[in-house]
Every structure is written in structure tokens, then in C-alpha cells.
N, C-alpha and C. Protein backbone atom coordinates (compact mmCIF):
# COMPACT_ATOMS: atom_id res chain seq x y z
N UNK A 1 0.84 -1.19 0.00
CA UNK A 1 0.00 0.00 0.00
C UNK A 1 0.87 1.23 0.00
N UNK A 2 0.30 2.29 -0.45
CA UNK A 2 1.05 3.53 -0.50
C UNK A 2 0.57 4.45 0.60
N UNK A 3 1.39 5.38 0.94
CA UNK A 3 1.02 6.37 1.94
C UNK A 3 0.05 7.34 1.32
N UNK A 4 -0.75 8.01 2.16
CA UNK A 4 -1.73 8.94 1.60
C UNK A 4 -1.12 10.04 0.76
N UNK A 5 0.09 10.41 0.98
CA UNK A 5 0.66 11.51 0.22
C UNK A 5 1.65 11.06 -0.83
N UNK A 6 1.68 9.79 -1.19
CA UNK A 6 2.67 9.34 -2.17
C UNK A 6 2.00 8.83 -3.43
N UNK A 7 2.77 8.80 -4.48
CA UNK A 7 2.25 8.32 -5.76
C UNK A 7 3.23 7.27 -6.26
N UNK A 8 2.82 6.04 -6.28
CA UNK A 8 3.70 4.95 -6.67
C UNK A 8 4.07 5.02 -8.14
N UNK A 9 3.11 5.44 -8.99
CA UNK A 9 3.37 5.47 -10.42
C UNK A 9 4.46 6.47 -10.78
N UNK A 10 4.49 7.60 -10.10
CA UNK A 10 5.45 8.62 -10.43
C UNK A 10 6.60 8.66 -9.45
N UNK A 11 6.48 7.94 -8.37
CA UNK A 11 7.55 7.92 -7.38
C UNK A 11 7.71 9.25 -6.67
N UNK A 12 6.62 9.99 -6.55
CA UNK A 12 6.72 11.29 -5.91
C UNK A 12 5.78 11.35 -4.73
N UNK A 13 6.04 12.24 -3.85
CA UNK A 13 5.19 12.44 -2.69
C UNK A 13 4.59 13.83 -2.80
N UNK A 14 3.25 13.87 -2.74
CA UNK A 14 2.56 15.16 -2.81
C UNK A 14 2.03 15.49 -1.44
N UNK A 15 1.56 16.72 -1.28
CA UNK A 15 1.16 17.14 0.05
C UNK A 15 -0.07 16.40 0.53
N UNK A 16 -1.21 16.52 -0.10
CA UNK A 16 -2.38 15.81 0.37
C UNK A 16 -3.31 15.38 -0.75
N UNK A 17 -2.94 15.56 -1.96
CA UNK A 17 -3.82 15.31 -3.09
C UNK A 17 -3.67 13.92 -3.68
N UNK A 18 -2.71 13.18 -3.37
CA UNK A 18 -2.51 11.88 -3.97
C UNK A 18 -1.66 12.03 -5.21
N UNK A 19 -1.90 11.20 -6.22
CA UNK A 19 -1.08 11.18 -7.42
C UNK A 19 -1.46 12.31 -8.36
N UNK A 20 -0.57 13.21 -8.65
CA UNK A 20 -0.82 14.33 -9.56
C UNK A 20 -1.57 15.45 -8.86
N UNK A 21 -1.57 16.63 -9.45
CA UNK A 21 -2.24 17.78 -8.88
C UNK A 21 -3.49 18.05 -9.70
N UNK A 22 -4.67 17.96 -9.10
CA UNK A 22 -5.91 18.12 -9.84
C UNK A 22 -6.42 19.55 -9.78
N UNK A 23 -5.67 20.45 -9.19
CA UNK A 23 -6.09 21.85 -9.16
C UNK A 23 -5.93 22.46 -10.55
N UNK A 24 -6.90 23.33 -10.93
CA UNK A 24 -6.86 23.99 -12.23
C UNK A 24 -6.27 25.38 -12.03
N UNK A 25 -5.40 25.75 -12.92
CA UNK A 25 -4.75 27.05 -12.80
C UNK A 25 -5.76 28.17 -13.06
N UNK A 26 -5.55 29.33 -12.48
CA UNK A 26 -6.47 30.45 -12.72
C UNK A 26 -6.53 30.85 -14.20
N UNK A 27 -5.42 30.72 -14.93
CA UNK A 27 -5.43 31.06 -16.34
C UNK A 27 -6.38 30.15 -17.12
N UNK A 28 -6.41 28.87 -16.78
CA UNK A 28 -7.30 27.93 -17.46
C UNK A 28 -8.76 28.27 -17.18
N UNK A 29 -9.05 28.69 -15.93
CA UNK A 29 -10.42 29.08 -15.59
C UNK A 29 -10.83 30.30 -16.40
N UNK A 30 -9.96 31.29 -16.49
CA UNK A 30 -10.27 32.50 -17.26
C UNK A 30 -10.45 32.18 -18.74
N UNK A 31 -9.61 31.31 -19.25
CA UNK A 31 -9.72 30.92 -20.65
C UNK A 31 -11.05 30.21 -20.91
N UNK A 32 -11.45 29.33 -20.00
CA UNK A 32 -12.72 28.63 -20.14
C UNK A 32 -13.89 29.62 -20.07
N UNK A 33 -13.81 30.59 -19.18
CA UNK A 33 -14.87 31.59 -19.08
C UNK A 33 -14.96 32.44 -20.34
N UNK A 34 -13.81 32.82 -20.89
CA UNK A 34 -13.79 33.62 -22.11
C UNK A 34 -14.41 32.83 -23.26
N UNK A 35 -14.07 31.56 -23.37
CA UNK A 35 -14.63 30.72 -24.43
C UNK A 35 -16.13 30.59 -24.26
N UNK A 36 -16.59 30.38 -23.02
CA UNK A 36 -18.01 30.23 -22.75
C UNK A 36 -18.78 31.51 -23.08
N UNK A 37 -18.27 32.64 -22.65
CA UNK A 37 -18.93 33.91 -22.93
C UNK A 37 -18.94 34.18 -24.44
N UNK A 38 -17.84 33.91 -25.12
CA UNK A 38 -17.78 34.09 -26.57
C UNK A 38 -18.79 33.22 -27.29
N UNK A 39 -18.93 31.98 -26.85
CA UNK A 39 -19.90 31.07 -27.47
C UNK A 39 -21.32 31.57 -27.24
N UNK A 40 -21.60 32.11 -26.06
CA UNK A 40 -22.93 32.64 -25.79
C UNK A 40 -23.23 33.84 -26.69
N UNK A 41 -22.25 34.72 -26.85
CA UNK A 41 -22.44 35.90 -27.70
C UNK A 41 -22.70 35.49 -29.14
N UNK A 42 -21.90 34.56 -29.64
CA UNK A 42 -22.08 34.09 -31.02
C UNK A 42 -23.43 33.40 -31.17
N UNK A 43 -23.81 32.60 -30.18
CA UNK A 43 -25.10 31.91 -30.22
C UNK A 43 -26.26 32.88 -30.25
N UNK A 44 -26.20 33.92 -29.42
CA UNK A 44 -27.27 34.92 -29.41
C UNK A 44 -27.34 35.67 -30.74
N UNK A 45 -26.18 36.03 -31.28
CA UNK A 45 -26.15 36.74 -32.56
C UNK A 45 -26.73 35.86 -33.67
N UNK A 46 -26.40 34.58 -33.64
CA UNK A 46 -26.93 33.65 -34.65
C UNK A 46 -28.45 33.54 -34.54
N UNK A 47 -28.95 33.43 -33.32
CA UNK A 47 -30.40 33.32 -33.14
C UNK A 47 -31.10 34.61 -33.58
N UNK A 48 -30.51 35.75 -33.30
CA UNK A 48 -31.09 37.03 -33.71
C UNK A 48 -31.13 37.11 -35.24
N UNK A 49 -30.04 36.71 -35.89
CA UNK A 49 -30.00 36.72 -37.35
C UNK A 49 -31.02 35.75 -37.93
N UNK A 50 -31.17 34.60 -37.31
CA UNK A 50 -32.14 33.61 -37.77
C UNK A 50 -33.56 34.15 -37.66
N UNK A 51 -33.87 34.82 -36.54
CA UNK A 51 -35.20 35.41 -36.38
C UNK A 51 -35.45 36.49 -37.43
N UNK A 52 -34.44 37.33 -37.68
CA UNK A 52 -34.60 38.39 -38.68
C UNK A 52 -34.82 37.80 -40.07
N UNK A 53 -34.08 36.75 -40.39
CA UNK A 53 -34.24 36.11 -41.70
C UNK A 53 -35.63 35.50 -41.84
N UNK A 54 -36.11 34.88 -40.77
CA UNK A 54 -37.44 34.29 -40.80
C UNK A 54 -38.50 35.38 -40.97
N UNK A 55 -38.36 36.49 -40.26
CA UNK A 55 -39.31 37.59 -40.39
C UNK A 55 -39.28 38.17 -41.80
N UNK A 56 -38.10 38.33 -42.37
CA UNK A 56 -37.98 38.86 -43.73
C UNK A 56 -38.61 37.89 -44.74
N UNK A 57 -38.41 36.62 -44.52
CA UNK A 57 -39.00 35.61 -45.41
C UNK A 57 -40.53 35.65 -45.33
N UNK A 58 -41.05 35.77 -44.12
CA UNK A 58 -42.50 35.86 -43.96
C UNK A 58 -43.05 37.12 -44.63
N UNK A 59 -42.35 38.24 -44.46
CA UNK A 59 -42.80 39.49 -45.07
C UNK A 59 -42.79 39.39 -46.59
N UNK A 60 -41.76 38.76 -47.14
CA UNK A 60 -41.70 38.59 -48.60
C UNK A 60 -42.82 37.68 -49.09
N UNK A 61 -43.09 36.62 -48.34
CA UNK A 61 -44.18 35.72 -48.73
C UNK A 61 -45.52 36.43 -48.65
N UNK A 62 -45.71 37.25 -47.62
CA UNK A 62 -46.96 37.99 -47.49
C UNK A 62 -47.11 38.99 -48.64
N UNK A 63 -46.02 39.68 -48.97
CA UNK A 63 -46.06 40.66 -50.07
C UNK A 63 -46.35 39.96 -51.38
N UNK A 64 -45.75 38.80 -51.59
CA UNK A 64 -45.99 38.05 -52.82
C UNK A 64 -47.45 37.60 -52.87
N UNK A 65 -47.98 37.22 -51.71
CA UNK A 65 -49.38 36.79 -51.65
C UNK A 65 -50.34 37.93 -51.92
N UNK A 66 -50.00 39.15 -51.47
CA UNK A 66 -50.87 40.31 -51.73
C UNK A 66 -50.81 40.73 -53.18
N UNK A 67 -49.67 40.52 -53.82
CA UNK A 67 -49.53 40.93 -55.22
C UNK A 67 -50.38 40.06 -56.14
N UNK A 68 -50.54 38.80 -55.77
CA UNK A 68 -51.34 37.89 -56.58
C UNK A 68 -52.72 37.74 -55.95
N UNK A 69 -53.65 37.25 -56.73
CA UNK A 69 -54.96 36.93 -56.16
C UNK A 69 -54.79 35.77 -55.19
N UNK A 70 -55.68 35.64 -54.22
CA UNK A 70 -55.52 34.58 -53.21
C UNK A 70 -55.41 33.18 -53.81
N UNK A 71 -56.22 32.89 -54.81
CA UNK A 71 -56.17 31.56 -55.43
C UNK A 71 -54.85 31.36 -56.16
N UNK A 72 -54.39 32.41 -56.81
CA UNK A 72 -53.14 32.34 -57.55
C UNK A 72 -51.96 32.17 -56.59
N UNK A 73 -52.01 32.88 -55.46
CA UNK A 73 -50.95 32.75 -54.46
C UNK A 73 -50.92 31.33 -53.89
N UNK A 74 -52.10 30.77 -53.68
CA UNK A 74 -52.17 29.40 -53.18
C UNK A 74 -51.58 28.42 -54.20
N UNK A 75 -51.88 28.64 -55.45
CA UNK A 75 -51.34 27.77 -56.50
C UNK A 75 -49.82 27.88 -56.55
N UNK A 76 -49.29 29.09 -56.37
CA UNK A 76 -47.83 29.27 -56.36
C UNK A 76 -47.20 28.47 -55.22
N UNK A 77 -47.85 28.50 -54.06
CA UNK A 77 -47.30 27.77 -52.92
C UNK A 77 -47.39 26.26 -53.13
N UNK A 78 -48.49 25.80 -53.69
CA UNK A 78 -48.68 24.35 -53.87
C UNK A 78 -47.71 23.81 -54.92
N UNK A 79 -47.62 24.47 -56.05
CA UNK A 79 -46.77 23.99 -57.14
C UNK A 79 -45.31 24.33 -56.88
N UNK A 80 -45.07 25.39 -56.11
CA UNK A 80 -43.70 25.74 -55.76
C UNK A 80 -43.03 26.67 -56.74
N UNK A 81 -43.81 27.31 -57.58
CA UNK A 81 -43.24 28.20 -58.58
C UNK A 81 -44.23 29.35 -58.78
N UNK A 82 -43.71 30.57 -58.88
CA UNK A 82 -44.60 31.72 -59.06
C UNK A 82 -45.04 31.83 -60.52
N UNK A 83 -46.09 32.61 -60.71
CA UNK A 83 -46.60 32.81 -62.06
C UNK A 83 -45.55 33.48 -62.95
N UNK A 84 -44.87 34.48 -62.41
CA UNK A 84 -43.85 35.18 -63.19
C UNK A 84 -42.70 34.25 -63.57
N UNK A 85 -42.28 33.42 -62.63
CA UNK A 85 -41.19 32.48 -62.93
C UNK A 85 -41.62 31.48 -64.00
N UNK A 86 -42.85 31.01 -63.91
CA UNK A 86 -43.36 30.06 -64.91
C UNK A 86 -43.39 30.71 -66.29
N UNK A 87 -43.80 31.98 -66.34
CA UNK A 87 -43.84 32.67 -67.63
C UNK A 87 -42.43 32.86 -68.18
N UNK A 88 -41.48 33.13 -67.33
CA UNK A 88 -40.09 33.28 -67.79
C UNK A 88 -39.54 31.96 -68.31
N UNK A 89 -39.81 30.88 -67.60
CA UNK A 89 -39.29 29.58 -68.02
C UNK A 89 -39.82 29.20 -69.40
N UNK A 90 -41.12 29.39 -69.61
CA UNK A 90 -41.72 29.01 -70.89
C UNK A 90 -41.69 30.15 -71.92
N UNK A 91 -41.09 31.27 -71.53
CA UNK A 91 -40.90 32.40 -72.44
C UNK A 91 -42.22 32.86 -73.05
N UNK A 92 -43.20 33.11 -72.18
CA UNK A 92 -44.48 33.66 -72.62
C UNK A 92 -44.77 34.92 -71.81
N UNK A 93 -45.36 35.90 -72.47
CA UNK A 93 -45.66 37.15 -71.78
C UNK A 93 -47.12 37.22 -71.34
N UNK A 94 -47.98 36.52 -72.05
CA UNK A 94 -49.39 36.49 -71.65
C UNK A 94 -49.84 35.04 -71.58
N UNK A 95 -51.01 34.84 -71.04
CA UNK A 95 -51.50 33.47 -70.85
C UNK A 95 -52.31 33.00 -72.05
N UNK A 96 -51.60 32.74 -73.14
CA UNK A 96 -52.19 32.23 -74.36
C UNK A 96 -51.95 30.71 -74.38
N UNK A 97 -53.00 29.91 -74.25
CA UNK A 97 -52.82 28.45 -74.15
C UNK A 97 -52.05 27.84 -75.32
N UNK A 98 -52.27 28.34 -76.54
CA UNK A 98 -51.57 27.77 -77.69
C UNK A 98 -50.07 28.07 -77.62
N UNK A 99 -49.73 29.30 -77.26
CA UNK A 99 -48.32 29.68 -77.16
C UNK A 99 -47.63 28.92 -76.03
N UNK A 100 -48.35 28.75 -74.93
CA UNK A 100 -47.80 28.00 -73.79
C UNK A 100 -47.51 26.57 -74.21
N UNK A 101 -48.46 25.93 -74.89
CA UNK A 101 -48.30 24.53 -75.30
C UNK A 101 -47.16 24.40 -76.31
N UNK A 102 -47.07 25.35 -77.26
CA UNK A 102 -46.02 25.30 -78.28
C UNK A 102 -44.63 25.41 -77.63
N UNK A 103 -44.47 26.39 -76.74
CA UNK A 103 -43.18 26.56 -76.06
C UNK A 103 -42.86 25.39 -75.14
N UNK A 104 -43.89 24.86 -74.48
CA UNK A 104 -43.69 23.70 -73.62
C UNK A 104 -43.19 22.50 -74.42
N UNK A 105 -43.86 22.20 -75.53
CA UNK A 105 -43.46 21.05 -76.35
C UNK A 105 -42.01 21.20 -76.82
N UNK A 106 -41.65 22.39 -77.28
CA UNK A 106 -40.29 22.62 -77.76
C UNK A 106 -39.26 22.44 -76.63
N UNK A 107 -39.50 23.10 -75.49
CA UNK A 107 -38.53 23.04 -74.39
C UNK A 107 -38.45 21.64 -73.77
N UNK A 108 -39.57 20.94 -73.75
CA UNK A 108 -39.56 19.58 -73.21
C UNK A 108 -38.71 18.66 -74.09
N UNK A 109 -38.87 18.78 -75.40
CA UNK A 109 -38.09 17.95 -76.33
C UNK A 109 -36.61 18.30 -76.29
N UNK A 110 -36.30 19.58 -76.26
CA UNK A 110 -34.90 20.02 -76.26
C UNK A 110 -34.17 19.56 -74.99
N UNK A 111 -34.87 19.51 -73.88
CA UNK A 111 -34.25 19.14 -72.61
C UNK A 111 -34.41 17.67 -72.27
N UNK A 112 -34.84 16.86 -73.24
CA UNK A 112 -34.97 15.43 -73.00
C UNK A 112 -33.59 14.82 -72.78
N UNK A 113 -33.49 13.97 -71.80
CA UNK A 113 -32.19 13.39 -71.43
C UNK A 113 -31.61 12.52 -72.56
N UNK A 114 -32.48 11.91 -73.37
CA UNK A 114 -31.99 11.05 -74.44
C UNK A 114 -31.28 11.83 -75.55
N UNK A 115 -31.53 13.14 -75.62
CA UNK A 115 -30.84 13.95 -76.63
C UNK A 115 -29.80 14.87 -75.99
N UNK A 116 -29.38 14.50 -74.78
CA UNK A 116 -28.33 15.26 -74.10
C UNK A 116 -28.83 16.42 -73.28
N UNK A 117 -30.12 16.46 -73.01
CA UNK A 117 -30.68 17.55 -72.23
C UNK A 117 -30.56 17.30 -70.73
N UNK A 118 -31.15 18.18 -69.98
CA UNK A 118 -31.08 18.13 -68.52
C UNK A 118 -32.43 17.73 -67.95
N UNK A 119 -32.42 16.69 -67.13
CA UNK A 119 -33.65 16.26 -66.47
C UNK A 119 -34.16 17.36 -65.53
N UNK A 120 -33.25 18.07 -64.89
CA UNK A 120 -33.62 19.16 -63.99
C UNK A 120 -34.37 20.25 -64.75
N UNK A 121 -33.81 20.67 -65.89
CA UNK A 121 -34.47 21.71 -66.68
C UNK A 121 -35.81 21.22 -67.23
N UNK A 122 -35.84 19.96 -67.62
CA UNK A 122 -37.08 19.40 -68.13
C UNK A 122 -38.16 19.41 -67.03
N UNK A 123 -37.77 19.10 -65.81
CA UNK A 123 -38.74 19.11 -64.72
C UNK A 123 -39.19 20.54 -64.41
N UNK A 124 -38.29 21.53 -64.55
CA UNK A 124 -38.69 22.93 -64.37
C UNK A 124 -39.71 23.33 -65.44
N UNK A 125 -39.52 22.87 -66.64
CA UNK A 125 -40.45 23.16 -67.73
C UNK A 125 -41.82 22.55 -67.41
N UNK A 126 -41.83 21.33 -66.91
CA UNK A 126 -43.10 20.67 -66.56
C UNK A 126 -43.80 21.44 -65.45
N UNK A 127 -43.06 21.84 -64.41
CA UNK A 127 -43.64 22.59 -63.29
C UNK A 127 -44.18 23.95 -63.78
N UNK A 128 -43.46 24.59 -64.68
CA UNK A 128 -43.91 25.87 -65.22
C UNK A 128 -45.22 25.69 -65.98
N UNK A 129 -45.30 24.64 -66.77
CA UNK A 129 -46.53 24.35 -67.52
C UNK A 129 -47.69 24.07 -66.56
N UNK A 130 -47.42 23.30 -65.51
CA UNK A 130 -48.47 23.02 -64.52
C UNK A 130 -48.96 24.31 -63.88
N UNK A 131 -48.03 25.20 -63.56
CA UNK A 131 -48.40 26.46 -62.90
C UNK A 131 -49.23 27.34 -63.84
N UNK A 132 -48.83 27.42 -65.09
CA UNK A 132 -49.59 28.23 -66.05
C UNK A 132 -50.96 27.61 -66.34
N UNK A 133 -51.02 26.29 -66.41
CA UNK A 133 -52.32 25.62 -66.60
C UNK A 133 -53.24 25.90 -65.42
N UNK A 134 -52.68 25.89 -64.23
CA UNK A 134 -53.47 26.19 -63.03
C UNK A 134 -53.97 27.63 -63.07
N UNK A 135 -53.13 28.55 -63.50
CA UNK A 135 -53.54 29.95 -63.61
C UNK A 135 -54.65 30.11 -64.65
N UNK A 136 -54.55 29.40 -65.75
CA UNK A 136 -55.61 29.45 -66.77
C UNK A 136 -56.92 28.91 -66.20
N UNK A 137 -56.82 27.85 -65.41
CA UNK A 137 -58.01 27.28 -64.78
C UNK A 137 -58.64 28.28 -63.80
N UNK A 138 -57.80 28.97 -63.02
CA UNK A 138 -58.29 29.97 -62.06
C UNK A 138 -58.97 31.11 -62.80
N UNK A 139 -58.35 31.56 -63.90
CA UNK A 139 -58.95 32.65 -64.68
C UNK A 139 -60.28 32.23 -65.30
N UNK A 140 -60.35 31.00 -65.80
CA UNK A 140 -61.60 30.51 -66.40
C UNK A 140 -62.69 30.44 -65.34
N UNK A 141 -62.33 29.99 -64.16
CA UNK A 141 -63.30 29.91 -63.07
C UNK A 141 -63.78 31.30 -62.67
N UNK A 142 -62.85 32.27 -62.62
CA UNK A 142 -63.21 33.65 -62.30
C UNK A 142 -64.10 34.26 -63.36
N UNK A 143 -63.80 33.99 -64.63
CA UNK A 143 -64.63 34.50 -65.73
C UNK A 143 -66.04 33.90 -65.67
N UNK A 144 -66.11 32.63 -65.31
CA UNK A 144 -67.41 31.95 -65.23
C UNK A 144 -68.24 32.57 -64.10
N UNK A 145 -67.58 32.88 -62.97
CA UNK A 145 -68.29 33.51 -61.85
C UNK A 145 -68.74 34.93 -62.21
N UNK A 146 -67.92 35.66 -62.95
CA UNK A 146 -68.30 37.01 -63.39
C UNK A 146 -69.50 36.94 -64.32
N UNK A 147 -69.53 35.92 -65.17
CA UNK A 147 -70.65 35.75 -66.09
C UNK A 147 -71.94 35.47 -65.33
N UNK A 148 -71.86 34.71 -64.27
CA UNK A 148 -73.05 34.41 -63.47
C UNK A 148 -73.54 35.67 -62.76
N UNK A 149 -72.63 36.50 -62.26
CA UNK A 149 -73.02 37.73 -61.58
C UNK A 149 -73.65 38.72 -62.53
N UNK A 150 -73.16 38.75 -63.79
CA UNK A 150 -73.70 39.66 -64.78
C UNK A 150 -75.13 39.26 -65.18
N UNK A 151 -75.43 37.96 -65.16
CA UNK A 151 -76.77 37.48 -65.51
C UNK A 151 -77.78 37.84 -64.47
N UNK A 152 -77.37 37.92 -63.21
CA UNK A 152 -78.35 38.19 -62.14
C UNK A 152 -78.66 39.64 -61.97
């Protein structure tokens, strides 16, 4: 057995702590505190930036929703593409069904993977066509409702 103040592994005798000194130096404590405070500051700044980004995103979504009719805004959210983006993808300025179909057929064929096209671009073309078709359906429904109101 060893004495209370000796350390057999190191062959040294310490005052009352046993083998090795487990006391932490004041510099290490200060360093740990500095690191902890720094991490808290960075964490708070990150959370503040995250909240601001979320608020800005919500404001942009609300503004986009106000710019479009409610049904159109809902269609944009469901399909995941805005009306303006869909028109840009299919290169149409107005909602002419024949022009939309013509541009869709051309872009779909050009971006076919079997002819060296991009599946990603082809899927964007499909989504754009779906969004424009939905907008045409919304407009037709609105026109039909206006016609019923005019009759009464």
C-alpha cells in the first residue's frame, strides 16, 4: 500500500492530493470563461440573425401573396413556382394556351435526357406548364363567376 501523500506510479510524494495535482490554474479558468462567454455571444447573434431572416421571409411571402390573387398565391405555394417564374421559363408574356403549349413542347423535347438535355431543366419546364395551366383554370373559373353575376 502507499502512503496517503505518495504516488507509486510517479515515485513522488505530494502534500495531500494523492497522485498528480488536480487543481486547475487560474489562467485555465479564465480561458474557459472567455470561451463560454464568446460562445454565448455568437449563439445569441446567430439566433437574432435567424429570427430576422425568418421575419424577412414571412414578409416577402406575405407581399408576394398580396400581389397575386388569393387563389393564384395558393397555386404558387402548392406547385412551388410563381406565375412570373413560370412565364419566364416558358418564355411567354401572356396566358395564351396555344403559345404555352407550343413553347412547352419545344422546351420539353430540347431538354430530353436522351438527346443530351437536362432532367432538372425538363422538370422545371413541366412545373412551369403546370403552374400556367393552373392559372388558366383559375382565370376561367373567375370568368365563369363574373358571367353568373352579370346574368343576375
